[in-house]
Amino acid sequence: MDDSELNASELGTFDYWQKAYTTEIINYDEHGDPGEVWFGEDSAQRVIDWISTSGIDKDISFVDLGCGNGYSLLELARRGFTNLIGVDYCPEAIMLAKKITKEEFPSIKYKLFDIIKDDLSNLGTEYGIVHDKGTYDAVSLNPDNPKENRQKYLEQVTNMLSNNGLFVITSCNWTDQELIQHFSEKMKLKCVIPTPQFKFGGKVGSVISSVVFIKK
């Protein structure tokens, strides 16, 4: 894997997310506000649209790594997907997601799970799609052992996937090419989901990268 690392940030720490989701639970209980979607709803919808229009079976086993408030799972359930589970290492995130989705889609499952520390046997299956919007970023931003943890993440995600399973990742910290470099050891590139581009100083780039891989 690439030796370059991101600058550490509180966004990579458990304490940050525990406090954030504790506040969002209060806001939801008092005002019905489901909270923010990391990277914004537009970036999430682009991925959801791709998954929904790519001929993927609606009963495919799907796990959302770092599900947060459950937004992606809720939107996929509304598109007819039925075999959905969200995992997060923050109990408050799981609590919030359950509150938001339980009335409309009680079939969505949730489980407390830390992709770096926990054994995969706790999840009980292999998945046709592993989805990540921000969790790899958080792993990369953690001040403690980011390089080792990124390698552990790669191994865990690879083992979570069924044969020819899809890994769909969205990042605002790594470029398409960096993500391809990071994951090419275990996976082959399927496609890059187009995202809005900006031009600055004569160079064209994207603020957010969404890439789809297939398990080798």
N, C-alpha and C. Protein backbone atom coordinates (compact mmCIF):
# COMPACT_ATOMS: atom_id res chain seq x y z
N MET A 1 0.84 -1.20 0.00
CA MET A 1 0.00 0.00 0.00
C MET A 1 0.88 1.25 0.00
N ASP A 2 0.29 2.35 -0.40
CA ASP A 2 1.00 3.61 -0.45
C ASP A 2 1.48 4.01 0.93
N ASP A 3 2.70 4.55 1.00
CA ASP A 3 3.26 4.93 2.29
C ASP A 3 2.76 6.28 2.79
N SER A 4 2.21 7.10 1.91
CA SER A 4 1.76 8.43 2.33
C SER A 4 0.52 8.31 3.20
N GLU A 5 0.46 9.16 4.23
CA GLU A 5 -0.66 9.15 5.16
C GLU A 5 -1.29 10.54 5.24
N LEU A 6 -2.54 10.56 5.66
CA LEU A 6 -3.23 11.82 5.86
C LEU A 6 -2.81 12.44 7.19
N ASN A 7 -2.99 13.73 7.32
CA ASN A 7 -2.78 14.38 8.61
C ASN A 7 -3.87 13.91 9.58
N ALA A 8 -3.47 13.56 10.79
CA ALA A 8 -4.43 13.08 11.78
C ALA A 8 -5.48 14.14 12.08
N SER A 9 -6.69 13.67 12.40
CA SER A 9 -7.81 14.58 12.68
C SER A 9 -8.71 13.95 13.73
N GLU A 10 -9.43 14.80 14.46
CA GLU A 10 -10.40 14.29 15.43
C GLU A 10 -11.51 13.51 14.73
N LEU A 11 -11.69 13.72 13.42
CA LEU A 11 -12.69 12.97 12.67
C LEU A 11 -12.36 11.49 12.59
N GLY A 12 -11.15 11.14 12.97
CA GLY A 12 -10.75 9.75 12.98
C GLY A 12 -10.83 9.11 14.35
N THR A 13 -11.43 9.79 15.32
CA THR A 13 -11.46 9.28 16.69
C THR A 13 -12.87 8.86 17.11
N PHE A 14 -12.92 7.84 17.95
CA PHE A 14 -14.20 7.35 18.47
C PHE A 14 -14.91 8.43 19.28
N ASP A 15 -14.16 9.17 20.10
CA ASP A 15 -14.78 10.18 20.96
C ASP A 15 -15.54 11.22 20.14
N TYR A 16 -14.97 11.61 19.02
CA TYR A 16 -15.64 12.61 18.17
C TYR A 16 -17.01 12.11 17.73
N TRP A 17 -17.05 10.88 17.22
CA TRP A 17 -18.30 10.35 16.68
C TRP A 17 -19.30 10.04 17.78
N GLN A 18 -18.82 9.61 18.93
CA GLN A 18 -19.74 9.35 20.03
C GLN A 18 -20.45 10.64 20.46
N LYS A 19 -19.70 11.71 20.57
CA LYS A 19 -20.29 13.00 20.94
C LYS A 19 -21.23 13.50 19.84
N ALA A 20 -20.82 13.35 18.57
CA ALA A 20 -21.63 13.82 17.46
C ALA A 20 -22.97 13.10 17.41
N TYR A 21 -22.95 11.78 17.54
CA TYR A 21 -24.19 11.02 17.44
C TYR A 21 -25.05 11.15 18.69
N THR A 22 -24.44 11.39 19.83
CA THR A 22 -25.23 11.68 21.03
C THR A 22 -26.04 12.94 20.83
N THR A 23 -25.42 13.96 20.25
CA THR A 23 -26.13 15.21 19.94
C THR A 23 -27.22 14.97 18.91
N GLU A 24 -26.93 14.17 17.89
CA GLU A 24 -27.92 13.93 16.83
C GLU A 24 -29.11 13.13 17.34
N ILE A 25 -28.90 12.23 18.29
CA ILE A 25 -30.02 11.50 18.90
C ILE A 25 -30.95 12.49 19.60
N ILE A 26 -30.37 13.41 20.35
CA ILE A 26 -31.18 14.43 21.04
C ILE A 26 -31.95 15.26 20.03
N ASN A 27 -31.29 15.68 18.96
CA ASN A 27 -31.96 16.49 17.93
C ASN A 27 -33.08 15.72 17.25
N TYR A 28 -32.86 14.41 17.03
CA TYR A 28 -33.90 13.61 16.39
C TYR A 28 -35.09 13.43 17.34
N ASP A 29 -34.81 13.14 18.59
CA ASP A 29 -35.89 12.93 19.56
C ASP A 29 -36.70 14.21 19.76
N GLU A 30 -36.04 15.35 19.74
CA GLU A 30 -36.72 16.61 20.05
C GLU A 30 -37.33 17.28 18.82
N HIS A 31 -36.68 17.11 17.67
CA HIS A 31 -37.10 17.87 16.48
C HIS A 31 -37.33 17.00 15.24
N GLY A 32 -37.06 15.70 15.33
CA GLY A 32 -37.22 14.84 14.17
C GLY A 32 -36.15 15.02 13.12
N ASP A 33 -35.03 15.65 13.50
CA ASP A 33 -33.93 15.91 12.57
C ASP A 33 -33.03 14.68 12.51
N PRO A 34 -32.93 14.01 11.33
CA PRO A 34 -32.14 12.78 11.26
C PRO A 34 -30.64 13.01 11.25
N GLY A 35 -30.20 14.27 11.16
CA GLY A 35 -28.77 14.56 11.20
C GLY A 35 -28.16 14.67 9.82
N GLU A 36 -26.86 14.92 9.82
CA GLU A 36 -26.15 15.15 8.56
C GLU A 36 -25.77 13.83 7.88
N VAL A 37 -25.68 13.90 6.54
CA VAL A 37 -25.15 12.80 5.75
C VAL A 37 -23.73 13.18 5.36
N TRP A 38 -22.76 12.34 5.77
CA TRP A 38 -21.37 12.66 5.49
C TRP A 38 -21.17 12.81 3.98
N PHE A 39 -20.51 13.89 3.60
CA PHE A 39 -20.24 14.29 2.21
C PHE A 39 -21.49 14.82 1.50
N GLY A 40 -22.64 14.88 2.20
CA GLY A 40 -23.85 15.42 1.60
C GLY A 40 -24.69 14.35 0.92
N GLU A 41 -25.97 14.65 0.77
CA GLU A 41 -26.91 13.70 0.18
C GLU A 41 -26.62 13.45 -1.30
N ASP A 42 -26.12 14.46 -2.01
CA ASP A 42 -25.84 14.29 -3.44
C ASP A 42 -24.85 13.17 -3.69
N SER A 43 -23.78 13.14 -2.91
CA SER A 43 -22.75 12.11 -3.10
C SER A 43 -23.31 10.73 -2.76
N ALA A 44 -24.15 10.66 -1.74
CA ALA A 44 -24.77 9.38 -1.38
C ALA A 44 -25.73 8.93 -2.47
N GLN A 45 -26.50 9.86 -3.02
CA GLN A 45 -27.48 9.49 -4.04
C GLN A 45 -26.81 9.01 -5.32
N ARG A 46 -25.66 9.56 -5.67
CA ARG A 46 -24.96 9.08 -6.86
C ARG A 46 -24.62 7.60 -6.74
N VAL A 47 -24.15 7.21 -5.56
CA VAL A 47 -23.80 5.81 -5.33
C VAL A 47 -25.07 4.95 -5.31
N ILE A 48 -26.10 5.41 -4.63
CA ILE A 48 -27.36 4.67 -4.56
C ILE A 48 -27.97 4.51 -5.95
N ASP A 49 -27.90 5.56 -6.76
CA ASP A 49 -28.40 5.46 -8.14
C ASP A 49 -27.61 4.42 -8.92
N TRP A 50 -26.28 4.40 -8.75
CA TRP A 50 -25.46 3.43 -9.48
C TRP A 50 -25.83 2.01 -9.06
N ILE A 51 -25.94 1.76 -7.77
CA ILE A 51 -26.28 0.43 -7.28
C ILE A 51 -27.66 0.01 -7.80
N SER A 52 -28.59 0.95 -7.83
CA SER A 52 -29.98 0.65 -8.19
C SER A 52 -30.18 0.41 -9.68
N THR A 53 -29.27 0.93 -10.50
CA THR A 53 -29.46 0.85 -11.96
C THR A 53 -28.43 -0.04 -12.65
N SER A 54 -27.71 -0.84 -11.87
CA SER A 54 -26.64 -1.68 -12.44
C SER A 54 -27.04 -3.14 -12.60
N GLY A 55 -28.32 -3.41 -12.47
CA GLY A 55 -28.79 -4.78 -12.65
C GLY A 55 -28.47 -5.71 -11.49
N ILE A 56 -28.21 -5.15 -10.33
CA ILE A 56 -27.88 -5.93 -9.14
C ILE A 56 -29.16 -6.48 -8.53
N ASP A 57 -29.15 -7.77 -8.14
CA ASP A 57 -30.32 -8.38 -7.52
C ASP A 57 -30.72 -7.63 -6.26
N LYS A 58 -32.02 -7.43 -6.10
CA LYS A 58 -32.51 -6.65 -4.96
C LYS A 58 -32.36 -7.39 -3.63
N ASP A 59 -32.13 -8.71 -3.71
CA ASP A 59 -31.95 -9.47 -2.47
C ASP A 59 -30.49 -9.77 -2.16
N ILE A 60 -29.57 -9.09 -2.87
CA ILE A 60 -28.15 -9.28 -2.61
C ILE A 60 -27.82 -8.90 -1.17
N SER A 61 -26.92 -9.64 -0.55
CA SER A 61 -26.52 -9.31 0.83
C SER A 61 -25.64 -8.07 0.81
N PHE A 62 -26.06 -7.07 1.56
CA PHE A 62 -25.44 -5.74 1.50
C PHE A 62 -25.10 -5.29 2.90
N VAL A 63 -23.85 -4.90 3.13
CA VAL A 63 -23.45 -4.36 4.43
C VAL A 63 -22.90 -2.95 4.24
N ASP A 64 -23.36 -2.05 5.08
CA ASP A 64 -22.91 -0.66 5.07
C ASP A 64 -21.94 -0.47 6.22
N LEU A 65 -20.65 -0.27 5.89
CA LEU A 65 -19.62 -0.08 6.91
C LEU A 65 -19.67 1.35 7.43
N GLY A 66 -19.85 1.51 8.73
CA GLY A 66 -19.98 2.86 9.26
C GLY A 66 -21.28 3.48 8.79
N CYS A 67 -22.38 2.83 9.14
CA CYS A 67 -23.69 3.21 8.59
C CYS A 67 -24.19 4.56 9.07
N GLY A 68 -23.61 5.08 10.17
CA GLY A 68 -24.05 6.39 10.65
C GLY A 68 -25.54 6.39 10.95
N ASN A 69 -26.27 7.37 10.39
CA ASN A 69 -27.70 7.48 10.70
C ASN A 69 -28.57 6.58 9.82
N GLY A 70 -27.95 5.72 9.01
CA GLY A 70 -28.70 4.76 8.21
C GLY A 70 -29.25 5.30 6.91
N TYR A 71 -28.80 6.48 6.48
CA TYR A 71 -29.36 7.13 5.29
C TYR A 71 -29.26 6.25 4.04
N SER A 72 -28.09 5.70 3.77
CA SER A 72 -27.90 4.90 2.56
C SER A 72 -28.77 3.65 2.58
N LEU A 73 -28.87 3.01 3.73
CA LEU A 73 -29.70 1.81 3.86
C LEU A 73 -31.17 2.14 3.65
N LEU A 74 -31.62 3.24 4.21
CA LEU A 74 -33.01 3.65 4.06
C LEU A 74 -33.34 3.91 2.59
N GLU A 75 -32.43 4.60 1.89
CA GLU A 75 -32.68 4.91 0.48
C GLU A 75 -32.66 3.65 -0.38
N LEU A 76 -31.77 2.71 -0.08
CA LEU A 76 -31.73 1.46 -0.83
C LEU A 76 -32.98 0.62 -0.57
N ALA A 77 -33.46 0.63 0.67
CA ALA A 77 -34.70 -0.09 0.99
C ALA A 77 -35.86 0.52 0.20
N ARG A 78 -35.87 1.82 0.06
CA ARG A 78 -36.92 2.47 -0.73
C ARG A 78 -36.83 2.11 -2.21
N ARG A 79 -35.64 1.69 -2.65
CA ARG A 79 -35.46 1.25 -4.04
C ARG A 79 -35.73 -0.25 -4.20
N GLY A 80 -36.12 -0.91 -3.12
CA GLY A 80 -36.50 -2.31 -3.22
C GLY A 80 -35.49 -3.32 -2.73
N PHE A 81 -34.34 -2.88 -2.22
CA PHE A 81 -33.35 -3.82 -1.69
C PHE A 81 -33.82 -4.34 -0.32
N THR A 82 -33.63 -5.64 -0.10
CA THR A 82 -34.28 -6.29 1.04
C THR A 82 -33.33 -6.90 2.06
N ASN A 83 -32.06 -7.11 1.68
CA ASN A 83 -31.14 -7.85 2.55
C ASN A 83 -30.04 -6.91 3.03
N LEU A 84 -30.41 -5.99 3.92
CA LEU A 84 -29.55 -4.87 4.30
C LEU A 84 -29.14 -4.94 5.76
N ILE A 85 -27.86 -4.68 6.01
CA ILE A 85 -27.39 -4.57 7.39
C ILE A 85 -26.42 -3.38 7.48
N GLY A 86 -26.54 -2.64 8.55
CA GLY A 86 -25.63 -1.53 8.82
C GLY A 86 -24.79 -1.84 10.04
N VAL A 87 -23.49 -1.56 9.95
CA VAL A 87 -22.60 -1.76 11.10
C VAL A 87 -21.87 -0.45 11.39
N ASP A 88 -21.59 -0.24 12.65
CA ASP A 88 -20.85 0.94 13.07
C ASP A 88 -20.18 0.62 14.39
N TYR A 89 -19.05 1.28 14.65
CA TYR A 89 -18.36 1.02 15.93
C TYR A 89 -18.87 1.92 17.04
N CYS A 90 -19.77 2.82 16.69
CA CYS A 90 -20.32 3.76 17.66
C CYS A 90 -21.74 3.35 18.04
N PRO A 91 -21.99 2.96 19.30
CA PRO A 91 -23.34 2.54 19.70
C PRO A 91 -24.40 3.61 19.45
N GLU A 92 -24.00 4.87 19.59
CA GLU A 92 -24.97 5.96 19.39
C GLU A 92 -25.39 6.06 17.93
N ALA A 93 -24.50 5.75 17.01
CA ALA A 93 -24.87 5.74 15.58
C ALA A 93 -25.91 4.65 15.31
N ILE A 94 -25.67 3.47 15.86
CA ILE A 94 -26.62 2.36 15.70
C ILE A 94 -27.97 2.74 16.29
N MET A 95 -27.96 3.36 17.46
CA MET A 95 -29.20 3.76 18.11
C MET A 95 -29.98 4.76 17.25
N LEU A 96 -29.27 5.74 16.69
CA LEU A 96 -29.91 6.75 15.85
C LEU A 96 -30.48 6.11 14.58
N ALA A 97 -29.69 5.26 13.93
CA ALA A 97 -30.15 4.62 12.69
C ALA A 97 -31.40 3.78 12.93
N LYS A 98 -31.43 3.05 14.03
CA LYS A 98 -32.61 2.24 14.36
C LYS A 98 -33.84 3.13 14.56
N LYS A 99 -33.67 4.23 15.24
CA LYS A 99 -34.78 5.15 15.47
C LYS A 99 -35.35 5.66 14.15
N ILE A 100 -34.45 6.00 13.21
CA ILE A 100 -34.86 6.64 11.96
C ILE A 100 -35.53 5.64 11.01
N THR A 101 -35.03 4.40 10.95
CA THR A 101 -35.51 3.48 9.92
C THR A 101 -36.52 2.45 10.41
N LYS A 102 -36.73 2.32 11.71
CA LYS A 102 -37.51 1.18 12.22
C LYS A 102 -38.97 1.21 11.80
N GLU A 103 -39.59 2.39 11.69
CA GLU A 103 -41.01 2.44 11.36
C GLU A 103 -41.26 2.09 9.90
N GLU A 104 -40.44 2.64 8.99
CA GLU A 104 -40.65 2.40 7.57
C GLU A 104 -40.06 1.07 7.12
N PHE A 105 -38.90 0.70 7.65
CA PHE A 105 -38.23 -0.53 7.22
C PHE A 105 -37.63 -1.25 8.43
N PRO A 106 -38.50 -1.92 9.22
CA PRO A 106 -37.99 -2.64 10.39
C PRO A 106 -37.11 -3.83 10.02
N SER A 107 -37.09 -4.22 8.73
CA SER A 107 -36.28 -5.37 8.31
C SER A 107 -34.79 -5.03 8.20
N ILE A 108 -34.44 -3.74 8.16
CA ILE A 108 -33.02 -3.36 8.12
C ILE A 108 -32.37 -3.75 9.45
N LYS A 109 -31.29 -4.49 9.36
CA LYS A 109 -30.61 -4.95 10.57
C LYS A 109 -29.42 -4.04 10.89
N TYR A 110 -29.07 -3.99 12.16
CA TYR A 110 -27.92 -3.21 12.60
C TYR A 110 -27.10 -4.01 13.59
N LYS A 111 -25.79 -3.76 13.57
CA LYS A 111 -24.91 -4.49 14.48
C LYS A 111 -23.73 -3.61 14.85
N LEU A 112 -23.37 -3.65 16.12
CA LEU A 112 -22.18 -2.94 16.59
C LEU A 112 -20.96 -3.72 16.12
N PHE A 113 -20.08 -3.05 15.35
CA PHE A 113 -18.94 -3.75 14.77
C PHE A 113 -17.83 -2.76 14.46
N ASP A 114 -16.61 -3.11 14.86
CA ASP A 114 -15.42 -2.30 14.59
C ASP A 114 -14.60 -3.02 13.54
N ILE A 115 -14.49 -2.46 12.35
CA ILE A 115 -13.82 -3.10 11.22
C ILE A 115 -12.35 -3.39 11.51
N ILE A 116 -11.73 -2.61 12.40
CA ILE A 116 -10.31 -2.82 12.71
C ILE A 116 -10.12 -3.84 13.82
N LYS A 117 -10.99 -3.85 14.81
CA LYS A 117 -10.75 -4.64 16.02
C LYS A 117 -11.53 -5.94 16.10
N ASP A 118 -12.68 -6.02 15.44
CA ASP A 118 -13.58 -7.15 15.68
C ASP A 118 -13.37 -8.30 14.69
N ASP A 119 -13.70 -9.48 15.16
CA ASP A 119 -13.60 -10.68 14.33
C ASP A 119 -14.78 -10.75 13.37
N LEU A 120 -14.51 -11.13 12.12
CA LEU A 120 -15.58 -11.16 11.12
C LEU A 120 -16.63 -12.22 11.41
N SER A 121 -16.29 -13.20 12.23
CA SER A 121 -17.29 -14.22 12.56
C SER A 121 -18.50 -13.61 13.26
N ASN A 122 -18.32 -12.42 13.84
CA ASN A 122 -19.43 -11.73 14.50
C ASN A 122 -20.50 -11.29 13.50
N LEU A 123 -20.12 -11.16 12.22
CA LEU A 123 -21.09 -10.75 11.20
C LEU A 123 -21.81 -11.93 10.58
N GLY A 124 -21.20 -13.10 10.61
CA GLY A 124 -21.93 -14.32 10.28
C GLY A 124 -22.14 -14.66 8.82
N THR A 125 -21.61 -13.86 7.88
CA THR A 125 -21.82 -14.17 6.47
C THR A 125 -20.83 -13.42 5.61
N GLU A 126 -20.78 -13.78 4.33
CA GLU A 126 -20.06 -12.98 3.34
C GLU A 126 -21.09 -12.15 2.58
N TYR A 127 -20.65 -11.03 2.02
CA TYR A 127 -21.58 -10.08 1.44
C TYR A 127 -21.34 -9.88 -0.05
N GLY A 128 -22.43 -9.72 -0.78
CA GLY A 128 -22.35 -9.43 -2.20
C GLY A 128 -21.90 -8.01 -2.48
N ILE A 129 -22.25 -7.10 -1.56
CA ILE A 129 -21.79 -5.71 -1.66
C ILE A 129 -21.35 -5.24 -0.27
N VAL A 130 -20.15 -4.70 -0.22
CA VAL A 130 -19.68 -3.96 0.97
C VAL A 130 -19.60 -2.50 0.56
N HIS A 131 -20.29 -1.65 1.31
CA HIS A 131 -20.37 -0.23 0.99
C HIS A 131 -19.71 0.59 2.10
N ASP A 132 -18.95 1.58 1.71
CA ASP A 132 -18.27 2.45 2.67
C ASP A 132 -18.32 3.89 2.17
N LYS A 133 -18.90 4.75 2.98
CA LYS A 133 -18.88 6.18 2.69
C LYS A 133 -18.34 6.90 3.92
N GLY A 134 -17.00 7.00 4.00
CA GLY A 134 -16.38 7.74 5.08
C GLY A 134 -15.63 6.94 6.12
N THR A 135 -15.89 5.62 6.20
CA THR A 135 -15.22 4.84 7.23
C THR A 135 -13.73 4.68 6.95
N TYR A 136 -13.38 4.41 5.70
CA TYR A 136 -11.96 4.31 5.36
C TYR A 136 -11.27 5.65 5.60
N ASP A 137 -11.96 6.74 5.35
CA ASP A 137 -11.42 8.07 5.66
C ASP A 137 -11.14 8.19 7.16
N ALA A 138 -12.11 7.78 7.97
CA ALA A 138 -11.93 7.88 9.42
C ALA A 138 -10.77 7.03 9.89
N VAL A 139 -10.63 5.81 9.34
CA VAL A 139 -9.49 4.95 9.67
C VAL A 139 -8.19 5.66 9.31
N SER A 140 -8.19 6.31 8.15
CA SER A 140 -6.98 6.97 7.66
C SER A 140 -6.63 8.21 8.47
N LEU A 141 -7.63 8.84 9.09
CA LEU A 141 -7.42 10.08 9.85
C LEU A 141 -7.11 9.83 11.32
N ASN A 142 -7.24 8.58 11.75
CA ASN A 142 -6.98 8.27 13.15
C ASN A 142 -5.50 8.50 13.46
N PRO A 143 -5.20 9.13 14.59
CA PRO A 143 -3.80 9.43 14.91
C PRO A 143 -2.96 8.21 15.28
N ASP A 144 -3.61 7.07 15.54
CA ASP A 144 -2.88 5.89 16.01
C ASP A 144 -2.77 4.84 14.91
N ASN A 145 -1.56 4.62 14.42
CA ASN A 145 -1.25 3.53 13.49
C ASN A 145 -2.12 3.52 12.22
N PRO A 146 -2.27 4.64 11.53
CA PRO A 146 -3.16 4.65 10.36
C PRO A 146 -2.72 3.69 9.26
N LYS A 147 -1.41 3.56 9.03
CA LYS A 147 -0.96 2.68 7.96
C LYS A 147 -1.32 1.23 8.26
N GLU A 148 -1.02 0.78 9.48
CA GLU A 148 -1.34 -0.59 9.87
C GLU A 148 -2.84 -0.82 9.85
N ASN A 149 -3.61 0.17 10.28
CA ASN A 149 -5.06 0.03 10.31
C ASN A 149 -5.66 0.02 8.91
N ARG A 150 -5.07 0.76 7.98
CA ARG A 150 -5.56 0.71 6.60
C ARG A 150 -5.33 -0.67 6.00
N GLN A 151 -4.18 -1.29 6.32
CA GLN A 151 -3.91 -2.65 5.84
C GLN A 151 -4.89 -3.64 6.46
N LYS A 152 -5.17 -3.48 7.75
CA LYS A 152 -6.14 -4.34 8.42
C LYS A 152 -7.52 -4.17 7.79
N TYR A 153 -7.89 -2.94 7.49
CA TYR A 153 -9.17 -2.64 6.84
C TYR A 153 -9.26 -3.39 5.51
N LEU A 154 -8.20 -3.31 4.70
CA LEU A 154 -8.18 -3.98 3.40
C LEU A 154 -8.40 -5.48 3.56
N GLU A 155 -7.71 -6.08 4.51
CA GLU A 155 -7.85 -7.52 4.73
C GLU A 155 -9.27 -7.88 5.18
N GLN A 156 -9.81 -7.10 6.08
CA GLN A 156 -11.15 -7.37 6.60
C GLN A 156 -12.21 -7.25 5.51
N VAL A 157 -12.14 -6.16 4.74
CA VAL A 157 -13.13 -5.95 3.67
C VAL A 157 -13.03 -7.07 2.64
N THR A 158 -11.82 -7.46 2.28
CA THR A 158 -11.64 -8.55 1.31
C THR A 158 -12.29 -9.83 1.82
N ASN A 159 -12.11 -10.12 3.09
CA ASN A 159 -12.67 -11.34 3.66
C ASN A 159 -14.18 -11.25 3.87
N MET A 160 -14.72 -10.05 3.94
CA MET A 160 -16.16 -9.88 4.07
C MET A 160 -16.89 -10.14 2.76
N LEU A 161 -16.19 -9.99 1.64
CA LEU A 161 -16.83 -10.10 0.33
C LEU A 161 -16.97 -11.55 -0.12
N SER A 162 -18.10 -11.83 -0.74
CA SER A 162 -18.27 -13.12 -1.41
C SER A 162 -17.45 -13.13 -2.69
N ASN A 163 -17.32 -14.27 -3.33
CA ASN A 163 -16.60 -14.35 -4.60
C ASN A 163 -17.25 -13.41 -5.62
N ASN A 164 -16.43 -12.60 -6.27
CA ASN A 164 -16.90 -11.60 -7.22
C ASN A 164 -17.81 -10.54 -6.58
N GLY A 165 -17.74 -10.41 -5.25
CA GLY A 165 -18.51 -9.38 -4.57
C GLY A 165 -17.99 -7.99 -4.91
N LEU A 166 -18.84 -6.99 -4.73
CA LEU A 166 -18.51 -5.61 -5.06
C LEU A 166 -18.18 -4.81 -3.80
N PHE A 167 -17.13 -4.03 -3.89
CA PHE A 167 -16.76 -3.09 -2.83
C PHE A 167 -16.95 -1.69 -3.39
N VAL A 168 -17.85 -0.93 -2.77
CA VAL A 168 -18.18 0.41 -3.24
C VAL A 168 -17.74 1.40 -2.18
N ILE A 169 -16.77 2.25 -2.51
CA ILE A 169 -16.20 3.15 -1.51
C ILE A 169 -16.26 4.60 -1.99
N THR A 170 -16.64 5.49 -1.06
CA THR A 170 -16.64 6.93 -1.32
C THR A 170 -15.72 7.60 -0.31
N SER A 171 -14.86 8.48 -0.81
CA SER A 171 -13.88 9.16 0.04
C SER A 171 -13.80 10.63 -0.34
N CYS A 172 -13.56 11.46 0.65
CA CYS A 172 -13.29 12.88 0.37
C CYS A 172 -11.84 13.22 0.70
N ASN A 173 -11.07 12.20 1.08
CA ASN A 173 -9.66 12.42 1.45
C ASN A 173 -8.68 11.77 0.48
N TRP A 174 -9.12 10.74 -0.23
CA TRP A 174 -8.28 10.05 -1.18
C TRP A 174 -8.86 10.21 -2.58
N THR A 175 -8.01 10.37 -3.58
CA THR A 175 -8.45 10.49 -4.96
C THR A 175 -8.80 9.12 -5.53
N ASP A 176 -9.46 9.12 -6.71
CA ASP A 176 -9.74 7.86 -7.39
C ASP A 176 -8.48 7.02 -7.54
N GLN A 177 -7.42 7.66 -8.04
CA GLN A 177 -6.19 6.92 -8.30
C GLN A 177 -5.55 6.40 -7.02
N GLU A 178 -5.63 7.15 -5.95
CA GLU A 178 -5.08 6.68 -4.67
C GLU A 178 -5.87 5.49 -4.16
N LEU A 179 -7.19 5.55 -4.26
CA LEU A 179 -8.02 4.42 -3.83
C LEU A 179 -7.71 3.18 -4.67
N ILE A 180 -7.57 3.36 -5.98
CA ILE A 180 -7.23 2.24 -6.85
C ILE A 180 -5.89 1.63 -6.45
N GLN A 181 -4.92 2.48 -6.14
CA GLN A 181 -3.62 1.99 -5.70
C GLN A 181 -3.73 1.23 -4.38
N HIS A 182 -4.51 1.78 -3.44
CA HIS A 182 -4.62 1.16 -2.12
C HIS A 182 -5.25 -0.23 -2.19
N PHE A 183 -6.25 -0.41 -3.06
CA PHE A 183 -7.04 -1.64 -3.03
C PHE A 183 -6.72 -2.63 -4.14
N SER A 184 -5.82 -2.28 -5.04
CA SER A 184 -5.54 -3.14 -6.19
C SER A 184 -4.85 -4.44 -5.79
N GLU A 185 -4.28 -4.48 -4.59
CA GLU A 185 -3.61 -5.70 -4.12
C GLU A 185 -4.60 -6.86 -4.02
N LYS A 186 -5.82 -6.56 -3.61
CA LYS A 186 -6.81 -7.61 -3.35
C LYS A 186 -8.01 -7.54 -4.29
N MET A 187 -8.16 -6.44 -5.02
CA MET A 187 -9.36 -6.23 -5.82
C MET A 187 -9.02 -5.65 -7.18
N LYS A 188 -9.92 -5.85 -8.13
CA LYS A 188 -9.75 -5.25 -9.44
C LYS A 188 -10.79 -4.16 -9.64
N LEU A 189 -10.42 -3.14 -10.36
CA LEU A 189 -11.30 -2.01 -10.59
C LEU A 189 -12.45 -2.40 -11.50
N LYS A 190 -13.67 -2.05 -11.09
CA LYS A 190 -14.84 -2.22 -11.96
C LYS A 190 -15.15 -0.90 -12.66
N CYS A 191 -15.29 0.18 -11.87
CA CYS A 191 -15.56 1.48 -12.48
C CYS A 191 -15.36 2.58 -11.44
N VAL A 192 -15.24 3.80 -11.94
CA VAL A 192 -15.27 5.00 -11.11
C VAL A 192 -16.63 5.66 -11.34
N ILE A 193 -17.38 5.89 -10.28
CA ILE A 193 -18.68 6.57 -10.40
C ILE A 193 -18.42 8.05 -10.59
N PRO A 194 -18.88 8.64 -11.68
CA PRO A 194 -18.57 10.05 -11.95
C PRO A 194 -19.07 10.97 -10.84
N THR A 195 -18.22 11.92 -10.46
CA THR A 195 -18.59 12.93 -9.47
C THR A 195 -18.27 14.30 -10.05
N PRO A 196 -18.94 15.37 -9.58
CA PRO A 196 -18.66 16.71 -10.09
C PRO A 196 -17.18 17.07 -9.95
N GLN A 197 -16.64 17.74 -10.95
CA GLN A 197 -15.23 18.10 -10.93
C GLN A 197 -15.07 19.61 -10.81
N PHE A 198 -13.92 20.03 -10.32
CA PHE A 198 -13.58 21.44 -10.23
C PHE A 198 -12.27 21.66 -10.96
N LYS A 199 -12.03 22.89 -11.36
CA LYS A 199 -10.78 23.22 -12.02
C LYS A 199 -10.12 24.35 -11.23
N PHE A 200 -8.87 24.12 -10.86
CA PHE A 200 -8.14 25.11 -10.07
C PHE A 200 -6.68 25.10 -10.49
N GLY A 201 -6.16 26.24 -10.84
CA GLY A 201 -4.76 26.33 -11.24
C GLY A 201 -4.43 25.50 -12.45
N GLY A 202 -5.41 25.33 -13.33
CA GLY A 202 -5.19 24.57 -14.54
C GLY A 202 -5.32 23.07 -14.37
N LYS A 203 -5.59 22.61 -13.15
CA LYS A 203 -5.74 21.19 -12.89
C LYS A 203 -7.21 20.86 -12.61
N VAL A 204 -7.66 19.72 -13.10
CA VAL A 204 -9.03 19.29 -12.89
C VAL A 204 -9.04 18.19 -11.83
N GLY A 205 -9.94 18.30 -10.88
CA GLY A 205 -10.02 17.28 -9.83
C GLY A 205 -11.43 17.14 -9.31
N SER A 206 -11.63 16.18 -8.42
CA SER A 206 -12.92 15.96 -7.79
C SER A 206 -12.77 16.13 -6.28
N VAL A 207 -13.77 16.72 -5.65
CA VAL A 207 -13.77 16.87 -4.20
C VAL A 207 -14.03 15.51 -3.54
N ILE A 208 -14.87 14.71 -4.19
CA ILE A 208 -15.27 13.41 -3.64
C ILE A 208 -15.00 12.33 -4.68
N SER A 209 -14.50 11.19 -4.24
CA SER A 209 -14.22 10.07 -5.13
C SER A 209 -15.10 8.88 -4.74
N SER A 210 -15.72 8.25 -5.74
CA SER A 210 -16.50 7.03 -5.53
C SER A 210 -16.03 5.98 -6.52
N VAL A 211 -15.56 4.84 -6.00
CA VAL A 211 -14.95 3.81 -6.83
C VAL A 211 -15.56 2.46 -6.49
N VAL A 212 -15.76 1.63 -7.52
CA VAL A 212 -16.31 0.29 -7.35
C VAL A 212 -15.24 -0.74 -7.73
N PHE A 213 -15.02 -1.70 -6.83
CA PHE A 213 -14.06 -2.77 -7.06
C PHE A 213 -14.78 -4.12 -7.04
N ILE A 214 -14.14 -5.11 -7.67
CA ILE A 214 -14.60 -6.49 -7.61
C ILE A 214 -13.52 -7.31 -6.90
N LYS A 215 -13.95 -8.18 -6.00
CA LYS A 215 -12.98 -9.04 -5.32
C LYS A 215 -12.32 -9.97 -6.33
N LYS A 216 -11.00 -10.04 -6.29
CA LYS A 216 -10.26 -10.90 -7.22
C LYS A 216 -10.51 -12.38 -6.91
